């Protein structure tokens, strides 16, 4: 039983790393595709609607990555 548990922990760590890497690459692509600075719009200009849109994109990407890994 301990060998099986260790294998499952290793698999979980690998899948977590793959998910985080995929999410990071996806977010970098979104950041490069937009014609404006997302950070400037949200932090300096206090663009709440853009913050909500980016949050929706992040949640959507997370759901897709989790479903793909599972």
PDB file of N, CA and C in Angstrom:
ATOM      1  N   UNK A   1       0.800  -1.203   0.000  1.00  0.00           N
ATOM      2  CA  UNK A   1       0.000   0.000   0.000  1.00  0.00           C
ATOM      3  C   UNK A   1       0.850   1.278   0.000  1.00  0.00           C
ATOM      4  N   UNK A   2       1.946   1.375   0.765  1.00  0.00           N
ATOM      5  CA  UNK A   2       2.745   2.604   0.727  1.00  0.00           C
ATOM      6  C   UNK A   2       3.335   2.900  -0.650  1.00  0.00           C
ATOM      7  N   UNK A   3       3.697   1.852  -1.425  1.00  0.00           N
ATOM      8  CA  UNK A   3       4.245   2.115  -2.755  1.00  0.00           C
ATOM      9  C   UNK A   3       3.199   2.745  -3.655  1.00  0.00           C
ATOM     10  N   UNK A   4       1.960   2.264  -3.523  1.00  0.00           N
ATOM     11  CA  UNK A   4       0.872   2.812  -4.319  1.00  0.00           C
ATOM     12  C   UNK A   4       0.598   4.270  -3.934  1.00  0.00           C
ATOM     13  N   UNK A   5       0.677   4.560  -2.641  1.00  0.00           N
ATOM     14  CA  UNK A   5       0.456   5.919  -2.162  1.00  0.00           C
ATOM     15  C   UNK A   5       1.542   6.853  -2.680  1.00  0.00           C
ATOM     16  N   UNK A   6       2.782   6.406  -2.647  1.00  0.00           N
ATOM     17  CA  UNK A   6       3.894   7.215  -3.136  1.00  0.00           C
ATOM     18  C   UNK A   6       3.746   7.467  -4.629  1.00  0.00           C
ATOM     19  N   UNK A   7       3.343   6.466  -5.393  1.00  0.00           N
ATOM     20  CA  UNK A   7       3.136   6.637  -6.831  1.00  0.00           C
ATOM     21  C   UNK A   7       2.024   7.637  -7.102  1.00  0.00           C
ATOM     22  N   UNK A   8       0.965   7.589  -6.321  1.00  0.00           N
ATOM     23  CA  UNK A   8      -0.132   8.531  -6.497  1.00  0.00           C
ATOM     24  C   UNK A   8       0.285   9.959  -6.161  1.00  0.00           C
ATOM     25  N   UNK A   9       1.088  10.118  -5.135  1.00  0.00           N
ATOM     26  CA  UNK A   9       1.578  11.449  -4.761  1.00  0.00           C
ATOM     27  C   UNK A   9       2.470  12.000  -5.865  1.00  0.00           C
ATOM     28  N   UNK A  10       3.342  11.169  -6.417  1.00  0.00           N
ATOM     29  CA  UNK A  10       4.217  11.606  -7.501  1.00  0.00           C
ATOM     30  C   UNK A  10       3.399  12.001  -8.729  1.00  0.00           C
ATOM     31  N   UNK A  11       2.393  11.202  -9.080  1.00  0.00           N
ATOM     32  CA  UNK A  11       1.527  11.531 -10.209  1.00  0.00           C
ATOM     33  C   UNK A  11       0.791  12.844  -9.977  1.00  0.00           C
ATOM     34  N   UNK A  12       0.305  13.059  -8.759  1.00  0.00           N
ATOM     35  CA  UNK A  12      -0.399  14.300  -8.438  1.00  0.00           C
ATOM     36  C   UNK A  12       0.513  15.503  -8.595  1.00  0.00           C
ATOM     37  N   UNK A  13       1.741  15.394  -8.128  1.00  0.00           N
ATOM     38  CA  UNK A  13       2.695  16.497  -8.249  1.00  0.00           C
ATOM     39  C   UNK A  13       3.004  16.776  -9.714  1.00  0.00           C
ATOM     40  N   UNK A  14       3.178  15.736 -10.500  1.00  0.00           N
ATOM     41  CA  UNK A  14       3.457  15.915 -11.931  1.00  0.00           C
ATOM     42  C   UNK A  14       2.288  16.591 -12.632  1.00  0.00           C
ATOM     43  N   UNK A  15       1.065  16.117 -12.356  1.00  0.00           N
ATOM     44  CA  UNK A  15      -0.108  16.715 -12.987  1.00  0.00           C
ATOM     45  C   UNK A  15      -0.311  18.154 -12.532  1.00  0.00           C
ATOM     46  N   UNK A  16      -0.022  18.439 -11.275  1.00  0.00           N
ATOM     47  CA  UNK A  16      -0.113  19.817 -10.781  1.00  0.00           C
ATOM     48  C   UNK A  16       0.879  20.715 -11.528  1.00  0.00           C
ATOM     49  N   UNK A  17       2.100  20.249 -11.665  1.00  0.00           N
ATOM     50  CA  UNK A  17       3.117  21.033 -12.366  1.00  0.00           C
ATOM     51  C   UNK A  17       2.720  21.264 -13.819  1.00  0.00           C
ATOM     52  N   UNK A  18       2.225  20.217 -14.480  1.00  0.00           N
ATOM     53  CA  UNK A  18       1.776  20.377 -15.869  1.00  0.00           C
ATOM     54  C   UNK A  18       0.628  21.379 -15.980  1.00  0.00           C
ATOM     55  N   UNK A  19      -0.302  21.324 -15.037  1.00  0.00           N
ATOM     56  CA  UNK A  19      -1.428  22.256 -15.050  1.00  0.00           C
ATOM     57  C   UNK A  19      -0.991  23.691 -14.847  1.00  0.00           C
ATOM     58  N   UNK A  20      -0.084  23.907 -13.904  1.00  0.00           N
ATOM     59  CA  UNK A  20       0.393  25.263 -13.631  1.00  0.00           C
ATOM     60  C   UNK A  20       1.190  25.800 -14.817  1.00  0.00           C
ATOM     61  N   UNK A  21       2.021  24.961 -15.419  1.00  0.00           N
ATOM     62  CA  UNK A  21       2.793  25.390 -16.589  1.00  0.00           C
ATOM     63  C   UNK A  21       1.869  25.727 -17.752  1.00  0.00           C
ATOM     64  N   UNK A  22       0.877  24.872 -18.007  1.00  0.00           N
ATOM     65  CA  UNK A  22      -0.074  25.130 -19.084  1.00  0.00           C
ATOM     66  C   UNK A  22      -0.858  26.412 -18.828  1.00  0.00           C
ATOM     67  N   UNK A  23      -1.277  26.622 -17.587  1.00  0.00           N
ATOM     68  CA  UNK A  23      -2.008  27.834 -17.237  1.00  0.00           C
ATOM     69  C   UNK A  23      -1.128  29.067 -17.434  1.00  0.00           C
ATOM     70  N   UNK A  24       0.119  29.000 -17.010  1.00  0.00           N
ATOM     71  CA  UNK A  24       1.030  30.132 -17.164  1.00  0.00           C
ATOM     72  C   UNK A  24       1.265  30.481 -18.623  1.00  0.00           C
ATOM     73  N   UNK A  25       1.465  29.475 -19.450  1.00  0.00           N
ATOM     74  CA  UNK A  25       1.668  29.710 -20.880  1.00  0.00           C
ATOM     75  C   UNK A  25       0.412  30.323 -21.493  1.00  0.00           C
ATOM     76  N   UNK A  26      -0.752  29.819 -21.099  1.00  0.00           N
ATOM     77  CA  UNK A  26      -2.013  30.360 -21.618  1.00  0.00           C
ATOM     78  C   UNK A  26      -2.186  31.818 -21.221  1.00  0.00           C
ATOM     79  N   UNK A  27      -1.859  32.143 -19.979  1.00  0.00           N
ATOM     80  CA  UNK A  27      -2.000  33.527 -19.538  1.00  0.00           C
ATOM     81  C   UNK A  27      -1.011  34.441 -20.251  1.00  0.00           C
ATOM     82  N   UNK A  28       0.196  33.962 -20.503  1.00  0.00           N
ATOM     83  CA  UNK A  28       1.164  34.772 -21.255  1.00  0.00           C
ATOM     84  C   UNK A  28       0.675  35.033 -22.673  1.00  0.00           C
ATOM     85  N   UNK A  29       0.058  34.034 -23.289  1.00  0.00           N
ATOM     86  CA  UNK A  29      -0.488  34.216 -24.635  1.00  0.00           C
ATOM     87  C   UNK A  29      -1.601  35.265 -24.617  1.00  0.00           C
ATOM     88  N   UNK A  30      -2.490  35.180 -23.628  1.00  0.00           N
ATOM     89  CA  UNK A  30      -3.566  36.170 -23.512  1.00  0.00           C
ATOM     90  C   UNK A  30      -2.981  37.562 -23.314  1.00  0.00           C
ATOM     91  N   UNK A  31      -1.958  37.667 -22.503  1.00  0.00           N
ATOM     92  CA  UNK A  31      -1.326  38.962 -22.244  1.00  0.00           C
ATOM     93  C   UNK A  31      -0.678  39.533 -23.504  1.00  0.00           C
ATOM     94  N   UNK A  32      -0.092  38.675 -24.341  1.00  0.00           N
ATOM     95  CA  UNK A  32       0.555  39.146 -25.572  1.00  0.00           C
ATOM     96  C   UNK A  32      -0.465  39.499 -26.657  1.00  0.00           C
ATOM     97  N   UNK A  33      -1.604  38.814 -26.667  1.00  0.00           N
ATOM     98  CA  UNK A  33      -2.604  39.027 -27.713  1.00  0.00           C
ATOM     99  C   UNK A  33      -3.360  40.337 -27.514  1.00  0.00           C
ATOM    100  N   UNK A  34      -3.576  40.739 -26.265  1.00  0.00           N
ATOM    101  CA  UNK A  34      -4.327  41.966 -26.018  1.00  0.00           C
ATOM    102  C   UNK A  34      -3.520  43.182 -26.470  1.00  0.00           C
ATOM    103  N   UNK A  35      -4.197  44.144 -27.088  1.00  0.00           N
ATOM    104  CA  UNK A  35      -3.473  45.317 -27.611  1.00  0.00           C
ATOM    105  C   UNK A  35      -3.133  46.355 -26.539  1.00  0.00           C
ATOM    106  N   UNK A  36      -3.441  46.091 -25.283  1.00  0.00           N
ATOM    107  CA  UNK A  36      -3.167  47.026 -24.196  1.00  0.00           C
ATOM    108  C   UNK A  36      -2.566  46.275 -23.018  1.00  0.00           C
ATOM    109  N   UNK A  37      -2.062  47.023 -22.070  1.00  0.00           N
ATOM    110  CA  UNK A  37      -1.471  46.408 -20.875  1.00  0.00           C
ATOM    111  C   UNK A  37      -2.580  46.067 -19.881  1.00  0.00           C
ATOM    112  N   UNK A  38      -2.747  44.795 -19.624  1.00  0.00           N
ATOM    113  CA  UNK A  38      -3.777  44.354 -18.684  1.00  0.00           C
ATOM    114  C   UNK A  38      -3.455  44.879 -17.286  1.00  0.00           C
ATOM    115  N   UNK A  39      -2.203  44.824 -16.900  1.00  0.00           N
ATOM    116  CA  UNK A  39      -1.801  45.289 -15.566  1.00  0.00           C
ATOM    117  C   UNK A  39      -2.098  46.775 -15.388  1.00  0.00           C
ATOM    118  N   UNK A  40      -1.768  47.598 -16.394  1.00  0.00           N
ATOM    119  CA  UNK A  40      -2.012  49.036 -16.301  1.00  0.00           C
ATOM    120  C   UNK A  40      -3.501  49.326 -16.214  1.00  0.00           C
ATOM    121  N   UNK A  41      -4.282  48.652 -17.031  1.00  0.00           N
ATOM    122  CA  UNK A  41      -5.730  48.885 -17.039  1.00  0.00           C
ATOM    123  C   UNK A  41      -6.366  48.553 -15.693  1.00  0.00           C
ATOM    124  N   UNK A  42      -5.941  47.443 -15.084  1.00  0.00           N
ATOM    125  CA  UNK A  42      -6.563  47.021 -13.829  1.00  0.00           C
ATOM    126  C   UNK A  42      -6.017  47.812 -12.644  1.00  0.00           C
ATOM    127  N   UNK A  43      -4.691  48.002 -12.569  1.00  0.00           N
ATOM    128  CA  UNK A  43      -4.096  48.649 -11.406  1.00  0.00           C
ATOM    129  C   UNK A  43      -4.232  50.171 -11.442  1.00  0.00           C
ATOM    130  N   UNK A  44      -3.808  50.787 -12.539  1.00  0.00           N
ATOM    131  CA  UNK A  44      -3.766  52.246 -12.581  1.00  0.00           C
ATOM    132  C   UNK A  44      -5.109  52.863 -12.956  1.00  0.00           C
ATOM    133  N   UNK A  45      -5.764  52.297 -13.968  1.00  0.00           N
ATOM    134  CA  UNK A  45      -7.016  52.879 -14.439  1.00  0.00           C
ATOM    135  C   UNK A  45      -8.236  52.352 -13.696  1.00  0.00           C
ATOM    136  N   UNK A  46      -8.044  51.395 -12.778  1.00  0.00           N
ATOM    137  CA  UNK A  46      -9.126  50.823 -11.971  1.00  0.00           C
ATOM    138  C   UNK A  46     -10.273  50.301 -12.836  1.00  0.00           C
ATOM    139  N   UNK A  47      -9.932  49.581 -13.900  1.00  0.00           N
ATOM    140  CA  UNK A  47     -10.923  49.035 -14.827  1.00  0.00           C
ATOM    141  C   UNK A  47     -11.492  47.741 -14.243  1.00  0.00           C
ATOM    142  N   UNK A  48     -12.604  47.876 -13.516  1.00  0.00           N
ATOM    143  CA  UNK A  48     -13.206  46.736 -12.835  1.00  0.00           C
ATOM    144  C   UNK A  48     -13.750  45.717 -13.823  1.00  0.00           C
ATOM    145  N   UNK A  49     -14.330  46.188 -14.915  1.00  0.00           N
ATOM    146  CA  UNK A  49     -14.910  45.260 -15.888  1.00  0.00           C
ATOM    147  C   UNK A  49     -13.834  44.374 -16.518  1.00  0.00           C
ATOM    148  N   UNK A  50     -12.660  44.913 -16.777  1.00  0.00           N
ATOM    149  CA  UNK A  50     -11.568  44.104 -17.312  1.00  0.00           C
ATOM    150  C   UNK A  50     -11.110  43.083 -16.274  1.00  0.00           C
ATOM    151  N   UNK A  51     -11.095  43.473 -15.021  1.00  0.00           N
ATOM    152  CA  UNK A  51     -10.738  42.534 -13.962  1.00  0.00           C
ATOM    153  C   UNK A  51     -11.709  41.367 -13.898  1.00  0.00           C
ATOM    154  N   UNK A  52     -12.988  41.643 -14.062  1.00  0.00           N
ATOM    155  CA  UNK A  52     -13.995  40.583 -14.058  1.00  0.00           C
ATOM    156  C   UNK A  52     -13.830  39.678 -15.273  1.00  0.00           C
ATOM    157  N   UNK A  53     -13.552  40.261 -16.426  1.00  0.00           N
ATOM    158  CA  UNK A  53     -13.345  39.468 -17.647  1.00  0.00           C
ATOM    159  C   UNK A  53     -12.119  38.569 -17.501  1.00  0.00           C
ATOM    160  N   UNK A  54     -11.019  39.103 -16.997  1.00  0.00           N
ATOM    161  CA  UNK A  54      -9.796  38.318 -16.810  1.00  0.00           C
ATOM    162  C   UNK A  54     -10.042  37.213 -15.779  1.00  0.00           C
ATOM    163  N   UNK A  55     -10.798  37.507 -14.720  1.00  0.00           N
ATOM    164  CA  UNK A  55     -11.119  36.474 -13.728  1.00  0.00           C
ATOM    165  C   UNK A  55     -11.917  35.343 -14.373  1.00  0.00           C
ATOM    166  N   UNK A  56     -12.868  35.690 -15.251  1.00  0.00           N
ATOM    167  CA  UNK A  56     -13.636  34.670 -15.960  1.00  0.00           C
ATOM    168  C   UNK A  56     -12.757  33.823 -16.857  1.00  0.00           C
ATOM    169  N   UNK A  57     -11.811  34.467 -17.526  1.00  0.00           N
ATOM    170  CA  UNK A  57     -10.882  33.724 -18.388  1.00  0.00           C
ATOM    171  C   UNK A  57     -10.023  32.775 -17.555  1.00  0.00           C
ATOM    172  N   UNK A  58      -9.551  33.257 -16.415  1.00  0.00           N
ATOM    173  CA  UNK A  58      -8.723  32.417 -15.542  1.00  0.00           C
ATOM    174  C   UNK A  58      -9.511  31.215 -15.038  1.00  0.00           C
ATOM    175  N   UNK A  59     -10.747  31.432 -14.616  1.00  0.00           N
ATOM    176  CA  UNK A  59     -11.576  30.326 -14.135  1.00  0.00           C
ATOM    177  C   UNK A  59     -11.860  29.342 -15.267  1.00  0.00           C
ATOM    178  N   UNK A  60     -12.171  29.865 -16.448  1.00  0.00           N
ATOM    179  CA  UNK A  60     -12.428  28.992 -17.594  1.00  0.00           C
ATOM    180  C   UNK A  60     -11.217  28.154 -17.971  1.00  0.00           C
ATOM    181  N   UNK A  61     -10.047  28.779 -18.003  1.00  0.00           N
ATOM    182  CA  UNK A  61      -8.820  28.035 -18.297  1.00  0.00           C
ATOM    183  C   UNK A  61      -8.562  26.965 -17.246  1.00  0.00           C
ATOM    184  N   UNK A  62      -8.788  27.309 -15.996  1.00  0.00           N
ATOM    185  CA  UNK A  62      -8.566  26.343 -14.919  1.00  0.00           C
ATOM    186  C   UNK A  62      -9.485  25.132 -15.048  1.00  0.00           C
ATOM    187  N   UNK A  63     -10.737  25.369 -15.390  1.00  0.00           N
ATOM    188  CA  UNK A  63     -11.680  24.263 -15.557  1.00  0.00           C
ATOM    189  C   UNK A  63     -11.268  23.376 -16.728  1.00  0.00           C
ATOM    190  N   UNK A  64     -10.873  23.991 -17.826  1.00  0.00           N
ATOM    191  CA  UNK A  64     -10.464  23.218 -19.012  1.00  0.00           C
ATOM    192  C   UNK A  64      -9.208  22.405 -18.705  1.00  0.00           C
ATOM    193  N   UNK A  65      -8.223  23.011 -18.050  1.00  0.00           N
ATOM    194  CA  UNK A  65      -6.982  22.291 -17.736  1.00  0.00           C
ATOM    195  C   UNK A  65      -7.261  21.150 -16.763  1.00  0.00           C
ATOM    196  N   UNK A  66      -8.100  21.400 -15.758  1.00  0.00           N
ATOM    197  CA  UNK A  66      -8.434  20.344 -14.789  1.00  0.00           C
ATOM    198  C   UNK A  66      -9.152  19.188 -15.471  1.00  0.00           C
ATOM    199  N   UNK A  67     -10.055  19.486 -16.395  1.00  0.00           N
ATOM    200  CA  UNK A  67     -10.763  18.416 -17.104  1.00  0.00           C
ATOM    201  C   UNK A  67      -9.820  17.644 -18.018  1.00  0.00           C
ATOM    202  N   UNK A  68      -8.872  18.337 -18.629  1.00  0.00           N
ATOM    203  CA  UNK A  68      -7.928  17.667 -19.528  1.00  0.00           C
ATOM    204  C   UNK A  68      -6.983  16.758 -18.739  1.00  0.00           C
ATOM    205  N   UNK A  69      -6.582  17.178 -17.568  1.00  0.00           N
ATOM    206  CA  UNK A  69      -5.670  16.375 -16.759  1.00  0.00           C
ATOM    207  C   UNK A  69      -6.389  15.172 -16.154  1.00  0.00           C
ATOM    208  N   UNK A  70      -7.624  15.373 -15.769  1.00  0.00           N
ATOM    209  CA  UNK A  70      -8.371  14.284 -15.132  1.00  0.00           C
ATOM    210  C   UNK A  70      -8.644  13.186 -16.120  1.00  0.00           C
TER     211      UNK A  70
END
